[in-house]
Amino acid sequence: MVNVQARSANQLAEERTDLATTRTLMAADRTLMAWTRTALSMISFGFTIYKLLEGFREAGVHLAHPHSPRTIGLFLTGMGTVSMVLGTIEYWRLIVSLREYHAVSICRPTFFVALVMAFSGSFLFMSIIIRLL
């Protein structure tokens, strides 16, 4: 016969709470990675459209709207950067609220990647604006 050690209700509740906190943390990581994928797509697509249409304009191709490269590039790059910043803030707030139940470190790879993405998007957005000035 297998001797099963009896655990108290408090021990079981603590174990289940720890597992629930871990599942919530993993869900938060997946959500932040989705924010990152979306932001990366918008930022890279916006910058690519900007450079492509700008290259056409510099090559002498007449565009129906001469400011369209700037407008499209700024819009998509700005939206990607804003979505990355908002996703990072949402993640950070969730991690802070999880600290009430479990010791959770904010130094996680997904958070680091999100910060890098937010700064890169800001840099690209500012580079488009500075080029326009």
Protein backbone atom coordinates (compact mmCIF):
# COMPACT_ATOMS: atom_id res chain seq x y z
CA MET A 1 0.00 0.00 0.00
CA VAL A 2 1.07 3.54 -0.70
CA ASN A 3 1.31 5.72 2.35
CA VAL A 4 -0.24 9.07 1.39
CA GLN A 5 0.62 11.92 3.70
CA ALA A 6 -2.48 13.82 4.70
CA ARG A 7 -2.32 17.54 4.05
CA SER A 8 -4.34 20.11 5.85
CA ALA A 9 -6.93 22.28 4.11
CA ASN A 10 -4.64 25.31 4.55
CA GLN A 11 -1.76 23.53 2.81
CA LEU A 12 -4.00 22.53 -0.09
CA ALA A 13 -5.39 26.08 -0.37
CA GLU A 14 -1.88 27.59 -0.41
CA GLU A 15 -0.76 25.12 -3.08
CA ARG A 16 -3.77 25.87 -5.24
CA THR A 17 -3.30 29.63 -4.80
CA ASP A 18 0.35 29.31 -5.83
CA LEU A 19 -0.65 27.36 -8.93
CA ALA A 20 -3.38 29.88 -9.79
CA THR A 21 -0.87 32.72 -9.44
CA THR A 22 1.56 30.88 -11.71
CA ARG A 23 -1.16 30.33 -14.34
CA THR A 24 -2.13 34.00 -14.15
CA LEU A 25 1.50 35.03 -14.56
CA MET A 26 1.90 32.77 -17.59
CA ALA A 27 -1.30 34.18 -19.10
CA ALA A 28 0.03 37.72 -18.54
CA ASP A 29 3.27 36.76 -20.29
CA ARG A 30 1.35 35.38 -23.28
CA THR A 31 -0.79 38.52 -23.44
CA LEU A 32 2.27 40.77 -23.39
CA MET A 33 3.85 38.67 -26.15
CA ALA A 34 0.68 39.19 -28.22
CA TRP A 35 0.92 42.95 -27.61
CA THR A 36 4.57 42.76 -28.69
CA ARG A 37 3.78 40.87 -31.92
CA THR A 38 1.05 43.33 -32.81
CA ALA A 39 3.21 46.36 -32.04
CA LEU A 40 6.17 44.94 -33.95
CA SER A 41 3.97 44.34 -36.98
CA MET A 42 2.57 47.86 -36.94
CA ILE A 43 5.93 49.54 -36.31
CA SER A 44 7.80 47.58 -38.98
CA PHE A 45 4.99 47.88 -41.51
CA GLY A 46 4.71 51.64 -40.88
CA PHE A 47 8.45 52.17 -41.23
CA THR A 48 8.60 50.00 -44.36
CA ILE A 49 5.71 51.84 -46.00
CA TYR A 50 7.35 55.14 -45.11
CA LYS A 51 10.72 54.15 -46.61
CA LEU A 52 9.14 52.57 -49.72
CA LEU A 53 6.91 55.51 -50.56
CA GLU A 54 9.67 57.97 -49.71
CA GLY A 55 11.96 56.10 -52.13
CA PHE A 56 9.31 56.32 -54.84
CA ARG A 57 8.93 60.03 -54.22
CA GLU A 58 12.71 60.63 -54.33
CA ALA A 59 12.93 58.61 -57.57
CA GLY A 60 10.54 61.07 -59.18
CA VAL A 61 7.35 59.01 -59.12
CA HIS A 62 4.39 61.33 -58.76
CA LEU A 63 2.26 60.36 -55.77
CA ALA A 64 -1.38 61.39 -55.65
CA HIS A 65 -0.84 62.67 -52.12
CA PRO A 66 2.74 63.90 -51.62
CA HIS A 67 2.52 63.65 -47.81
CA SER A 68 1.16 60.09 -47.79
CA PRO A 69 4.50 58.40 -46.89
CA ARG A 70 4.83 60.59 -43.83
CA THR A 71 1.20 60.20 -42.82
CA ILE A 72 1.09 56.42 -43.18
CA GLY A 73 4.50 55.91 -41.59
CA LEU A 74 3.74 58.17 -38.64
CA PHE A 75 0.31 56.66 -38.08
CA LEU A 76 1.40 53.01 -38.08
CA THR A 77 4.63 53.60 -36.19
CA GLY A 78 2.80 55.73 -33.63
CA MET A 79 0.00 53.20 -33.19
CA GLY A 80 2.50 50.37 -32.75
CA THR A 81 4.47 52.35 -30.20
CA VAL A 82 1.36 53.38 -28.29
CA SER A 83 0.06 49.81 -28.24
CA MET A 84 3.42 48.55 -26.96
CA VAL A 85 3.53 51.16 -24.21
CA LEU A 86 -0.06 50.43 -23.17
CA GLY A 87 0.54 46.67 -23.17
CA THR A 88 3.67 47.12 -21.06
CA ILE A 89 1.83 49.30 -18.55
CA GLU A 90 -1.01 46.77 -18.33
CA TYR A 91 1.52 43.96 -17.73
CA TRP A 92 3.38 45.95 -15.10
CA ARG A 93 0.16 46.74 -13.21
CA LEU A 94 -0.84 43.07 -13.23
CA ILE A 95 2.56 41.98 -11.91
CA VAL A 96 2.32 44.54 -9.12
CA SER A 97 -1.14 43.27 -8.18
CA LEU A 98 0.08 39.65 -8.22
CA ARG A 99 2.73 40.51 -5.64
CA GLU A 100 -0.01 40.56 -3.01
CA TYR A 101 -0.41 36.79 -3.38
CA HIS A 102 2.94 35.50 -4.52
CA ALA A 103 6.54 36.69 -4.77
CA VAL A 104 6.75 37.73 -8.43
CA SER A 105 9.72 39.50 -9.97
CA ILE A 106 9.20 42.21 -12.55
CA CYS A 107 12.52 41.23 -14.19
CA ARG A 108 11.02 38.81 -16.69
CA PRO A 109 12.15 38.28 -20.30
CA THR A 110 8.81 39.33 -21.75
CA PHE A 111 8.91 42.61 -19.83
CA PHE A 112 12.47 43.28 -21.02
CA VAL A 113 11.51 42.63 -24.66
CA ALA A 114 8.46 44.88 -24.28
CA LEU A 115 10.62 47.72 -22.93
CA VAL A 116 13.09 47.33 -25.81
CA MET A 117 10.19 47.39 -28.28
CA ALA A 118 8.67 50.48 -26.68
CA PHE A 119 11.99 52.35 -26.85
CA SER A 120 12.68 51.21 -30.43
CA GLY A 121 9.23 52.26 -31.56
CA SER A 122 9.70 55.63 -29.90
CA PHE A 123 13.07 55.99 -31.61
CA LEU A 124 11.63 55.16 -35.05
CA PHE A 125 8.68 57.48 -34.52
CA MET A 126 11.01 60.32 -33.52
CA SER A 127 13.36 59.59 -36.44
CA ILE A 128 10.48 60.02 -38.89
CA ILE A 129 9.44 63.28 -37.23
CA ILE A 130 13.01 64.64 -37.10
CA ARG A 131 13.50 63.79 -40.78
CA LEU A 132 10.42 65.84 -41.56
CA LEU A 133 11.72 68.91 -39.77
